[in-house]
Amino acid sequence: MNRRNILAFALGPVLTALLGLVTLPIVAWIFPPTDIGRNNVFQVAINFSVLIFVLGLDQAFVREYHESKQRDALFKACFLPGLFLLTIVVVLLVPFSADVSWLLYGEAEPLWGWLTAGCIFFSFLARFLSLILRMQERGLAFSLSQVMPKVLMVTVLLGYLFLDVDRVYTSLLLANLISIVAVTLALVWNTRIELKRGFFARVHVSDLKPLLSFGLPLIVAGIAYWGLKATSTLVLRANGAFEELAVYSLALSFASAATVFQTVFSTIWMPTVYKWVANNHDLDLLESVNGQLVAVIGVILLACATLSWLLDYFLPPVYAEVKYLLPVCMLQPLFYTLSETTVVGLNIQRKTGYSVLIALIAFFVNFSLSLLLAGQFGAVAVASVNALAFFVFTVLRTEFARRVWRPLPRAKMYVSSGVYLLFSIFFATYQPTRVLEWSVMVSIGVVYIGAVHRADLANAWSFVFKKTKV
């Protein structure tokens, strides 16, 4: 995959993040706070439902794509089980749509339940269809499939504003459904040739067993990972520390900028590695990519710590602590991204059952320490513990992958990751207020990265600014 393709894949997450910043204020101006809260529940329901109903077969499709000689049959085998299960569940729940609505949104509105079911159904379709574009390395088309929902959402909402549509939650749900359906139709058009071939492809029941063996453990791992991410928020809410929760949530929102980096890397990385394996490519590149990523993460953290004081100009004084939590909150997506370079061995060897154990151990670390420290130290504690849990998550993924596949040198990665963790926790707890203190901390970080990761940064620079292929 060359630099042009990578930039094409990166376009989607970047534009989606920017459009998200536009969409939220528009929604806030049009709809009351209760409906905005309901829309958050809606997003959780969509994400959780797709996670369950894909049965992990989306990842099985990605894993087997480059090694399969019958890709149309592979897609059909991965797509049909979840579609069949989802259709049955939706049909069974239709008579109980009012109950579903009450469970999700606090009001027994049957139409809300039907609209939500429609969004789940089309989100499932869009998930699988977008994988075809991803695996064919059609980066621009893939990015457009991610951006289109946000563009259509903004368009529909502006239409509501100018046409004076009733500002009720039904209208917001309908806007979500319109955007998801439109994107799905666009994906159907972009993949029409593959879908036609897949329709006539033959699939045997025996083909499903290895795919499900690979995919089903990923569902449990996905749920455990969701719990790992949500623990900090749940513990703060359980303690009734709503002011601390507001600070932590705001820091996470700003830190979510790092998820763009995570999304771009994850979208490109796994298919690329599977392609390397299928083509007997030189896998020593894994070590090089890992080292470059460790160096880039250090640069991102230093830039974040250096510029975080600018948040004071955009936030009320009550949120002054946010700037100190920003680096430690960014470690969650950054450590996850780093672990993607080492965990590939589990996926290549189809040992995805370990993913469940890894996520559960990290979840236990996060949950137990957060319960112990949140009451006394609040947002600083849960943010620091969350970063520690993701460091444990990264170490476990690395060690299990080394055990089942090939050894990857990891001493420098562990040392630097530990330094980043300690730096971020110290920054969050010490909270430097004077320019001299701030400058000394950042300067130490610059010296460390320059001394340890100079070659890695040079390689990363060469890749970004030269036409290097991976």
Protein backbone atom coordinates (compact mmCIF):
# COMPACT_ATOMS: atom_id res chain seq x y z
CA MET A 1 0.00 0.00 0.00
CA ASN A 2 1.57 3.29 -1.08
CA ARG A 3 1.43 6.70 0.54
CA ARG A 4 -1.39 7.85 -1.75
CA ASN A 5 -3.63 4.97 -0.66
CA ILE A 6 -2.83 5.59 2.99
CA LEU A 7 -3.77 9.26 2.66
CA ALA A 8 -7.00 8.22 0.94
CA PHE A 9 -7.88 5.95 3.87
CA ALA A 10 -6.90 8.70 6.33
CA LEU A 11 -9.25 11.18 4.70
CA GLY A 12 -12.37 9.48 6.07
CA PRO A 13 -11.58 9.52 9.81
CA VAL A 14 -10.19 13.07 9.64
CA LEU A 15 -13.21 14.52 7.84
CA THR A 16 -15.59 12.48 10.01
CA ALA A 17 -14.01 13.94 13.15
CA LEU A 18 -14.23 17.48 11.78
CA LEU A 19 -17.85 17.04 10.69
CA GLY A 20 -18.64 15.60 14.12
CA LEU A 21 -17.56 18.91 15.64
CA VAL A 22 -20.05 20.63 13.33
CA THR A 23 -22.93 18.19 13.85
CA LEU A 24 -23.07 18.26 17.65
CA PRO A 25 -23.65 22.04 18.02
CA ILE A 26 -26.37 21.93 15.34
CA VAL A 27 -28.14 19.11 17.18
CA ALA A 28 -27.77 21.01 20.45
CA TRP A 29 -29.40 24.13 18.96
CA ILE A 30 -32.32 22.25 17.38
CA PHE A 31 -33.21 19.60 19.98
CA PRO A 32 -33.62 19.75 23.78
CA PRO A 33 -31.02 18.17 26.10
CA THR A 34 -33.22 15.11 26.78
CA ASP A 35 -33.21 14.23 23.08
CA ILE A 36 -29.46 14.72 22.84
CA GLY A 37 -29.10 12.28 25.73
CA ARG A 38 -31.39 9.84 23.95
CA ASN A 39 -29.27 10.15 20.84
CA ASN A 40 -26.22 9.10 22.84
CA VAL A 41 -28.14 6.01 23.97
CA PHE A 42 -29.08 5.42 20.33
CA GLN A 43 -25.41 5.46 19.27
CA VAL A 44 -24.50 3.02 22.03
CA ALA A 45 -27.36 0.72 20.96
CA ILE A 46 -26.23 0.81 17.32
CA ASN A 47 -22.58 0.11 18.11
CA PHE A 48 -23.37 -2.65 20.59
CA SER A 49 -25.90 -4.32 18.25
CA VAL A 50 -23.52 -4.33 15.28
CA LEU A 51 -20.79 -5.73 17.55
CA ILE A 52 -23.08 -8.62 18.53
CA PHE A 53 -24.71 -9.44 15.19
CA VAL A 54 -21.61 -9.44 12.99
CA LEU A 55 -20.57 -12.49 15.08
CA GLY A 56 -16.94 -11.48 14.66
CA LEU A 57 -17.18 -12.58 11.03
CA ASP A 58 -16.22 -9.13 9.79
CA GLN A 59 -12.78 -9.74 11.29
CA ALA A 60 -12.77 -13.28 9.90
CA PHE A 61 -13.38 -11.83 6.42
CA VAL A 62 -10.45 -9.43 6.84
CA ARG A 63 -8.24 -12.25 8.15
CA GLU A 64 -8.97 -14.72 5.34
CA TYR A 65 -9.35 -12.31 2.41
CA HIS A 66 -5.81 -12.38 1.00
CA GLU A 67 -5.41 -16.13 1.51
CA SER A 68 -8.76 -17.08 -0.01
CA LYS A 69 -9.07 -18.10 -3.65
CA GLN A 70 -12.88 -17.76 -3.50
CA ARG A 71 -13.39 -14.30 -2.04
CA ASP A 72 -17.00 -14.02 -3.20
CA ALA A 73 -17.91 -17.20 -1.34
CA LEU A 74 -15.91 -15.97 1.67
CA PHE A 75 -17.92 -12.75 1.80
CA LYS A 76 -21.19 -14.65 1.52
CA ALA A 77 -20.17 -17.07 4.29
CA CYS A 78 -19.24 -14.20 6.61
CA PHE A 79 -22.25 -12.03 5.76
CA LEU A 80 -25.23 -14.42 5.81
CA PRO A 81 -25.11 -15.83 9.39
CA GLY A 82 -25.30 -12.41 11.02
CA LEU A 83 -27.91 -11.19 8.54
CA PHE A 84 -30.07 -14.24 9.24
CA LEU A 85 -29.77 -13.82 13.02
CA LEU A 86 -30.41 -10.07 12.90
CA THR A 87 -33.51 -10.51 10.72
CA ILE A 88 -34.99 -13.07 13.12
CA VAL A 89 -34.37 -10.86 16.16
CA VAL A 90 -35.84 -7.76 14.47
CA VAL A 91 -38.98 -9.68 13.42
CA LEU A 92 -39.42 -11.11 16.92
CA LEU A 93 -39.03 -7.69 18.54
CA VAL A 94 -41.47 -5.83 16.25
CA PRO A 95 -44.47 -6.55 18.56
CA PHE A 96 -42.42 -5.24 21.48
CA SER A 97 -41.16 -2.05 19.84
CA ALA A 98 -42.81 0.10 22.51
CA ASP A 99 -41.00 -1.85 25.23
CA VAL A 100 -37.69 -1.49 23.38
CA SER A 101 -38.30 2.24 23.08
CA TRP A 102 -39.03 2.54 26.79
CA LEU A 103 -35.94 0.52 27.67
CA LEU A 104 -33.68 2.70 25.51
CA TYR A 105 -35.29 6.13 25.61
CA GLY A 106 -37.57 6.21 28.65
CA GLU A 107 -40.77 6.57 26.60
CA ALA A 108 -42.97 3.84 25.09
CA GLU A 109 -43.04 5.11 21.50
CA PRO A 110 -43.40 2.19 19.03
CA LEU A 111 -42.15 4.34 16.13
CA TRP A 112 -38.89 4.99 17.97
CA GLY A 113 -38.36 1.25 18.32
CA TRP A 114 -39.01 0.65 14.61
CA LEU A 115 -36.70 3.46 13.52
CA THR A 116 -33.96 2.17 15.81
CA ALA A 117 -34.35 -1.35 14.40
CA GLY A 118 -34.07 0.07 10.88
CA CYS A 119 -30.88 1.92 11.77
CA ILE A 120 -29.36 -1.23 13.28
CA PHE A 121 -30.26 -3.27 10.18
CA PHE A 122 -28.76 -0.83 7.69
CA SER A 123 -25.70 -0.21 9.89
CA PHE A 124 -25.06 -3.95 9.78
CA LEU A 125 -25.26 -3.93 5.98
CA ALA A 126 -22.99 -0.90 5.72
CA ARG A 127 -20.42 -2.51 8.00
CA PHE A 128 -19.95 -5.53 5.74
CA LEU A 129 -20.18 -3.68 2.43
CA SER A 130 -17.52 -1.19 3.51
CA LEU A 131 -15.17 -4.10 4.19
CA ILE A 132 -15.12 -4.92 0.48
CA LEU A 133 -13.82 -1.42 -0.28
CA ARG A 134 -11.33 -1.64 2.56
CA MET A 135 -9.86 -4.96 1.47
CA GLN A 136 -9.67 -3.89 -2.19
CA GLU A 137 -7.67 -0.86 -1.01
CA ARG A 138 -10.20 1.54 -2.53
CA GLY A 139 -9.27 4.15 0.03
CA LEU A 140 -11.19 7.11 -1.35
CA ALA A 141 -14.44 5.15 -1.73
CA PHE A 142 -13.99 3.73 1.77
CA SER A 143 -13.42 7.19 3.24
CA LEU A 144 -16.46 8.59 1.46
CA SER A 145 -18.58 5.82 3.00
CA GLN A 146 -17.48 7.07 6.42
CA VAL A 147 -17.94 10.76 5.66
CA MET A 148 -21.32 10.53 3.92
CA PRO A 149 -23.38 9.83 7.08
CA LYS A 150 -22.08 13.01 8.72
CA VAL A 151 -22.61 15.11 5.58
CA LEU A 152 -26.16 13.81 5.14
CA MET A 153 -26.88 14.26 8.84
CA VAL A 154 -25.81 17.91 8.70
CA THR A 155 -27.87 18.42 5.51
CA VAL A 156 -31.02 16.91 7.02
CA LEU A 157 -30.62 18.86 10.26
CA LEU A 158 -30.19 22.15 8.38
CA GLY A 159 -33.30 21.22 6.39
CA TYR A 160 -35.18 20.78 9.66
CA LEU A 161 -33.97 24.20 10.76
CA PHE A 162 -35.08 26.04 7.62
CA LEU A 163 -38.34 24.11 7.13
CA ASP A 164 -39.31 24.46 10.79
CA VAL A 165 -39.82 20.71 11.26
CA ASP A 166 -41.15 19.60 14.65
CA ARG A 167 -38.23 19.46 17.04
CA VAL A 168 -39.07 16.08 18.53
CA TYR A 169 -36.94 12.98 18.94
CA THR A 170 -38.74 11.23 16.09
CA SER A 171 -37.22 13.80 13.73
CA LEU A 172 -33.72 13.13 15.05
CA LEU A 173 -34.13 9.37 14.71
CA LEU A 174 -35.46 9.85 11.18
CA ALA A 175 -32.40 11.96 10.29
CA ASN A 176 -30.15 9.15 11.51
CA LEU A 177 -32.08 6.58 9.47
CA ILE A 178 -31.99 8.70 6.29
CA SER A 179 -28.21 9.12 6.50
CA ILE A 180 -27.56 5.43 7.20
CA VAL A 181 -29.89 4.20 4.42
CA ALA A 182 -28.38 6.61 1.88
CA VAL A 183 -24.85 5.46 2.70
CA THR A 184 -25.87 1.80 2.47
CA LEU A 185 -27.38 2.38 -0.97
CA ALA A 186 -24.18 4.10 -2.10
CA LEU A 187 -22.16 1.13 -0.82
CA VAL A 188 -24.45 -1.29 -2.66
CA TRP A 189 -23.75 0.63 -5.88
CA ASN A 190 -19.98 0.71 -5.29
CA THR A 191 -19.87 -3.04 -4.59
CA ARG A 192 -22.57 -4.14 -7.05
CA ILE A 193 -20.19 -6.35 -9.07
CA GLU A 194 -18.90 -8.16 -5.99
CA LEU A 195 -22.43 -8.56 -4.63
CA LYS A 196 -23.63 -10.07 -7.90
CA ARG A 197 -20.79 -12.60 -7.88
CA GLY A 198 -21.34 -13.31 -4.20
CA PHE A 199 -25.05 -13.98 -4.77
CA PHE A 200 -24.23 -16.88 -7.08
CA ALA A 201 -21.26 -18.16 -5.06
CA ARG A 202 -21.62 -21.54 -3.37
CA VAL A 203 -21.10 -21.80 0.37
CA HIS A 204 -20.93 -25.02 2.36
CA VAL A 205 -21.88 -25.28 6.02
CA SER A 206 -18.45 -26.76 6.71
CA ASP A 207 -16.92 -23.44 5.61
CA LEU A 208 -18.58 -21.65 8.52
CA LYS A 209 -16.95 -23.58 11.37
CA PRO A 210 -13.40 -22.16 11.06
CA LEU A 211 -14.79 -18.67 10.43
CA LEU A 212 -17.01 -18.79 13.52
CA SER A 213 -14.18 -20.30 15.58
CA PHE A 214 -12.12 -17.24 14.68
CA GLY A 215 -14.90 -14.66 14.99
CA LEU A 216 -17.06 -15.63 17.98
CA PRO A 217 -14.36 -15.10 20.65
CA LEU A 218 -13.95 -11.58 19.28
CA ILE A 219 -17.52 -10.77 20.37
CA VAL A 220 -16.71 -11.49 24.01
CA ALA A 221 -13.41 -9.66 23.63
CA GLY A 222 -15.28 -6.70 22.12
CA ILE A 223 -17.69 -6.57 25.04
CA ALA A 224 -14.83 -6.82 27.52
CA TYR A 225 -12.99 -4.05 25.67
CA TRP A 226 -16.11 -1.89 25.82
CA GLY A 227 -16.20 -2.45 29.58
CA LEU A 228 -12.51 -1.56 29.78
CA LYS A 229 -13.18 1.80 28.14
CA ALA A 230 -16.37 2.56 30.10
CA THR A 231 -15.16 1.65 33.60
CA SER A 232 -13.77 5.08 34.50
CA THR A 233 -16.99 6.87 33.63
CA LEU A 234 -19.16 4.30 35.41
CA VAL A 235 -17.10 4.46 38.60
CA LEU A 236 -17.21 8.26 38.74
CA ARG A 237 -20.96 8.23 38.21
CA ALA A 238 -21.40 5.54 40.88
CA ASN A 239 -19.52 7.76 43.33
CA GLY A 240 -21.79 10.67 42.47
CA ALA A 241 -18.76 12.77 41.50
CA PHE A 242 -20.53 14.60 38.69
CA GLU A 243 -18.16 17.58 38.66
CA GLU A 244 -15.19 15.23 38.36
CA LEU A 245 -17.05 13.29 35.68
CA ALA A 246 -17.58 16.51 33.72
CA VAL A 247 -13.84 17.27 33.81
CA TYR A 248 -12.91 13.71 32.86
CA SER A 249 -15.50 13.53 30.08
CA LEU A 250 -14.30 16.80 28.60
CA ALA A 251 -10.68 15.64 28.70
CA LEU A 252 -11.70 12.42 26.95
CA SER A 253 -13.57 14.41 24.31
CA PHE A 254 -10.47 16.43 23.45
CA ALA A 255 -8.29 13.31 23.64
CA SER A 256 -10.59 11.60 21.13
CA ALA A 257 -8.58 13.44 18.47
CA ALA A 258 -6.08 10.61 18.91
CA THR A 259 -8.76 8.11 17.85
CA VAL A 260 -8.37 9.49 14.32
CA PHE A 261 -4.78 8.25 14.41
CA GLN A 262 -5.99 4.93 15.86
CA THR A 263 -8.72 4.50 13.25
CA VAL A 264 -6.47 5.29 10.30
CA PHE A 265 -3.74 2.95 11.51
CA SER A 266 -6.10 0.07 12.38
CA THR A 267 -7.92 0.38 9.06
CA ILE A 268 -4.68 0.03 7.12
CA TRP A 269 -2.53 -2.14 9.36
CA MET A 270 -4.31 -5.50 9.69
CA PRO A 271 -5.11 -5.95 5.97
CA THR A 272 -1.53 -4.96 5.13
CA VAL A 273 -0.01 -7.54 7.50
CA TYR A 274 -2.32 -10.29 6.25
CA LYS A 275 -1.24 -9.39 2.73
CA TRP A 276 2.42 -9.61 3.77
CA VAL A 277 1.85 -13.07 5.25
CA ALA A 278 -0.06 -14.29 2.18
CA ASN A 279 2.72 -13.05 -0.13
CA ASN A 280 5.61 -14.26 2.09
CA HIS A 281 6.76 -10.68 2.57
CA ASP A 282 9.69 -9.74 4.80
CA LEU A 283 8.07 -9.66 8.26
CA ASP A 284 11.06 -7.88 9.82
CA LEU A 285 9.17 -4.75 8.79
CA LEU A 286 6.91 -5.39 11.80
CA GLU A 287 9.75 -4.40 14.12
CA SER A 288 10.45 -1.26 12.11
CA VAL A 289 6.81 -0.16 12.12
CA ASN A 290 6.54 -0.84 15.86
CA GLY A 291 9.59 1.30 16.60
CA GLN A 292 8.36 4.13 14.41
CA LEU A 293 4.97 4.06 16.12
CA VAL A 294 6.52 4.20 19.61
CA ALA A 295 8.47 7.29 18.53
CA VAL A 296 5.44 8.97 16.95
CA ILE A 297 3.38 8.37 20.10
CA GLY A 298 6.06 10.15 22.12
CA VAL A 299 5.96 13.13 19.77
CA ILE A 300 2.15 13.27 19.98
CA LEU A 301 2.24 13.25 23.79
CA LEU A 302 4.89 15.98 23.91
CA ALA A 303 2.94 18.14 21.48
CA CYS A 304 -0.18 17.59 23.56
CA ALA A 305 1.55 18.54 26.82
CA THR A 306 3.20 21.56 25.19
CA LEU A 307 -0.02 22.99 23.74
CA SER A 308 -2.61 21.86 26.29
CA TRP A 309 -2.52 25.25 28.07
CA LEU A 310 -4.36 26.70 25.06
CA LEU A 311 -7.52 24.96 26.32
CA ASP A 312 -7.81 27.63 29.02
CA TYR A 313 -8.77 30.11 26.29
CA PHE A 314 -11.68 27.95 25.13
CA LEU A 315 -13.03 26.55 28.42
CA PRO A 316 -14.53 28.12 31.56
CA PRO A 317 -12.24 28.30 34.63
CA VAL A 318 -14.05 25.35 36.24
CA TYR A 319 -12.44 23.12 33.62
CA ALA A 320 -8.86 24.27 34.30
CA GLU A 321 -7.84 20.71 35.21
CA VAL A 322 -8.70 19.39 31.74
CA LYS A 323 -5.39 20.53 30.24
CA TYR A 324 -3.47 18.39 32.73
CA LEU A 325 -5.54 15.27 32.04
CA LEU A 326 -5.27 15.54 28.27
CA PRO A 327 -1.94 13.64 27.80
CA VAL A 328 -2.91 10.76 30.11
CA CYS A 329 -6.32 10.47 28.44
CA MET A 330 -4.66 10.28 25.03
CA LEU A 331 -2.75 7.19 26.10
CA GLN A 332 -5.89 5.06 25.81
CA PRO A 333 -6.17 5.24 22.00
CA LEU A 334 -2.40 5.55 21.53
CA PHE A 335 -1.55 2.42 23.55
CA TYR A 336 -4.31 0.53 21.75
CA THR A 337 -2.83 1.58 18.41
CA LEU A 338 0.62 0.46 19.54
CA SER A 339 -0.74 -2.94 20.58
CA GLU A 340 -2.12 -3.43 17.07
CA THR A 341 1.47 -3.77 15.80
CA THR A 342 2.21 -6.64 18.18
CA VAL A 343 -1.10 -8.52 18.45
CA VAL A 344 -1.12 -9.56 14.79
CA GLY A 345 0.35 -12.94 15.74
CA LEU A 346 -2.85 -13.93 17.55
CA ASN A 347 -4.94 -13.14 14.49
CA ILE A 348 -2.56 -14.75 12.02
CA GLN A 349 -2.49 -17.96 14.08
CA ARG A 350 -6.26 -17.63 14.66
CA LYS A 351 -5.77 -17.67 18.45
CA THR A 352 -8.41 -15.00 19.06
CA GLY A 353 -9.61 -16.74 22.23
CA TYR A 354 -6.69 -15.08 24.01
CA SER A 355 -8.25 -11.70 23.21
CA VAL A 356 -11.02 -12.40 25.72
CA LEU A 357 -8.57 -13.20 28.53
CA ILE A 358 -6.46 -10.14 27.74
CA ALA A 359 -9.41 -7.75 27.77
CA LEU A 360 -10.80 -9.27 30.99
CA ILE A 361 -7.47 -8.94 32.83
CA ALA A 362 -7.09 -5.30 31.75
CA PHE A 363 -10.72 -4.65 32.69
CA PHE A 364 -10.13 -6.11 36.18
CA VAL A 365 -7.08 -3.88 36.67
CA ASN A 366 -9.04 -0.82 35.61
CA PHE A 367 -12.15 -1.62 37.62
CA SER A 368 -10.45 -2.58 40.88
CA LEU A 369 -7.98 0.32 40.98
CA SER A 370 -10.62 2.84 39.89
CA LEU A 371 -12.91 1.72 42.72
CA LEU A 372 -10.03 1.99 45.17
CA LEU A 373 -8.78 5.44 44.13
CA ALA A 374 -11.66 7.35 42.54
CA GLY A 375 -13.30 8.38 45.80
CA GLN A 376 -10.17 10.17 47.05
CA PHE A 377 -8.47 11.37 43.89
CA GLY A 378 -11.35 11.72 41.42
CA ALA A 379 -10.77 12.32 37.73
CA VAL A 380 -6.96 12.27 37.98
CA ALA A 381 -7.11 8.78 39.48
CA VAL A 382 -9.49 7.22 36.97
CA ALA A 383 -7.65 8.79 34.03
CA SER A 384 -4.30 7.50 35.31
CA VAL A 385 -5.68 4.04 36.10
CA ASN A 386 -7.28 3.87 32.66
CA ALA A 387 -3.91 4.61 31.04
CA LEU A 388 -2.25 1.98 33.25
CA ALA A 389 -4.90 -0.58 32.25
CA PHE A 390 -4.24 0.07 28.57
CA PHE A 391 -0.51 -0.31 29.19
CA VAL A 392 -1.26 -3.73 30.73
CA PHE A 393 -3.51 -4.44 27.75
CA THR A 394 -0.63 -3.67 25.36
CA VAL A 395 1.87 -5.81 27.28
CA LEU A 396 -0.51 -8.79 27.41
CA ARG A 397 -1.32 -8.60 23.71
CA THR A 398 2.40 -8.49 22.93
CA GLU A 399 3.37 -11.40 25.19
CA PHE A 400 0.57 -13.72 24.08
CA ALA A 401 1.29 -12.96 20.43
CA ARG A 402 5.00 -13.72 20.92
CA ARG A 403 4.07 -17.02 22.51
CA VAL A 404 1.98 -18.29 19.59
CA TRP A 405 3.80 -16.71 16.63
CA ARG A 406 7.18 -15.07 16.10
CA PRO A 407 9.26 -13.14 18.67
CA LEU A 408 9.22 -9.37 18.37
CA PRO A 409 11.87 -7.32 20.22
CA ARG A 410 9.91 -5.35 22.78
CA ALA A 411 12.31 -4.08 25.45
CA LYS A 412 12.58 -0.58 23.96
CA MET A 413 8.82 -0.47 23.42
CA TYR A 414 8.11 -1.38 27.05
CA VAL A 415 10.65 1.09 28.44
CA SER A 416 9.44 3.99 26.30
CA SER A 417 5.77 3.17 26.91
CA GLY A 418 6.47 3.08 30.65
CA VAL A 419 8.24 6.45 30.42
CA TYR A 420 5.27 7.92 28.54
CA LEU A 421 2.89 6.54 31.18
CA LEU A 422 4.89 7.93 34.11
CA PHE A 423 5.33 11.28 32.37
CA SER A 424 1.60 11.61 31.71
CA ILE A 425 0.57 10.55 35.23
CA PHE A 426 3.10 12.95 36.77
CA PHE A 427 1.85 15.73 34.51
CA ALA A 428 -1.74 15.03 35.63
CA THR A 429 -0.96 14.85 39.36
CA TYR A 430 1.74 17.51 39.73
CA GLN A 431 -0.10 19.95 37.44
CA PRO A 432 2.68 22.48 36.68
CA THR A 433 1.48 26.07 36.75
CA ARG A 434 4.67 27.98 36.00
CA VAL A 435 6.25 28.26 32.56
CA LEU A 436 9.63 27.07 33.90
CA GLU A 437 8.16 23.86 35.33
CA TRP A 438 6.27 23.21 32.13
CA SER A 439 9.35 23.84 29.99
CA VAL A 440 11.59 21.56 32.08
CA MET A 441 9.14 18.64 31.83
CA VAL A 442 8.71 19.00 28.08
CA SER A 443 12.45 19.47 27.53
CA ILE A 444 13.22 16.22 29.36
CA GLY A 445 10.74 14.48 27.08
CA VAL A 446 12.33 15.97 23.96
CA VAL A 447 15.81 14.87 25.06
CA TYR A 448 14.59 11.33 25.79
CA ILE A 449 12.84 10.87 22.45
CA GLY A 450 15.74 12.40 20.56
CA ALA A 451 18.26 10.11 22.25
CA VAL A 452 16.27 6.87 22.09
CA HIS A 453 14.13 7.20 18.97
CA ARG A 454 16.11 9.37 16.56
CA ALA A 455 16.43 6.58 13.97
CA ASP A 456 12.76 5.62 14.34
CA LEU A 457 11.68 9.21 13.75
CA ALA A 458 13.94 9.42 10.69
CA ASN A 459 12.32 6.28 9.27
CA ALA A 460 8.84 7.60 9.97
CA TRP A 461 9.73 10.92 8.33
CA SER A 462 11.10 9.09 5.30
CA PHE A 463 7.92 7.07 4.95
CA VAL A 464 5.58 10.07 5.20
CA PHE A 465 7.48 12.35 2.84
CA LYS A 466 8.81 9.82 0.34
CA LYS A 467 6.88 7.41 -1.85
CA THR A 468 7.56 4.41 0.33
CA LYS A 469 5.39 1.31 0.10
CA VAL A 470 4.36 -0.92 2.99
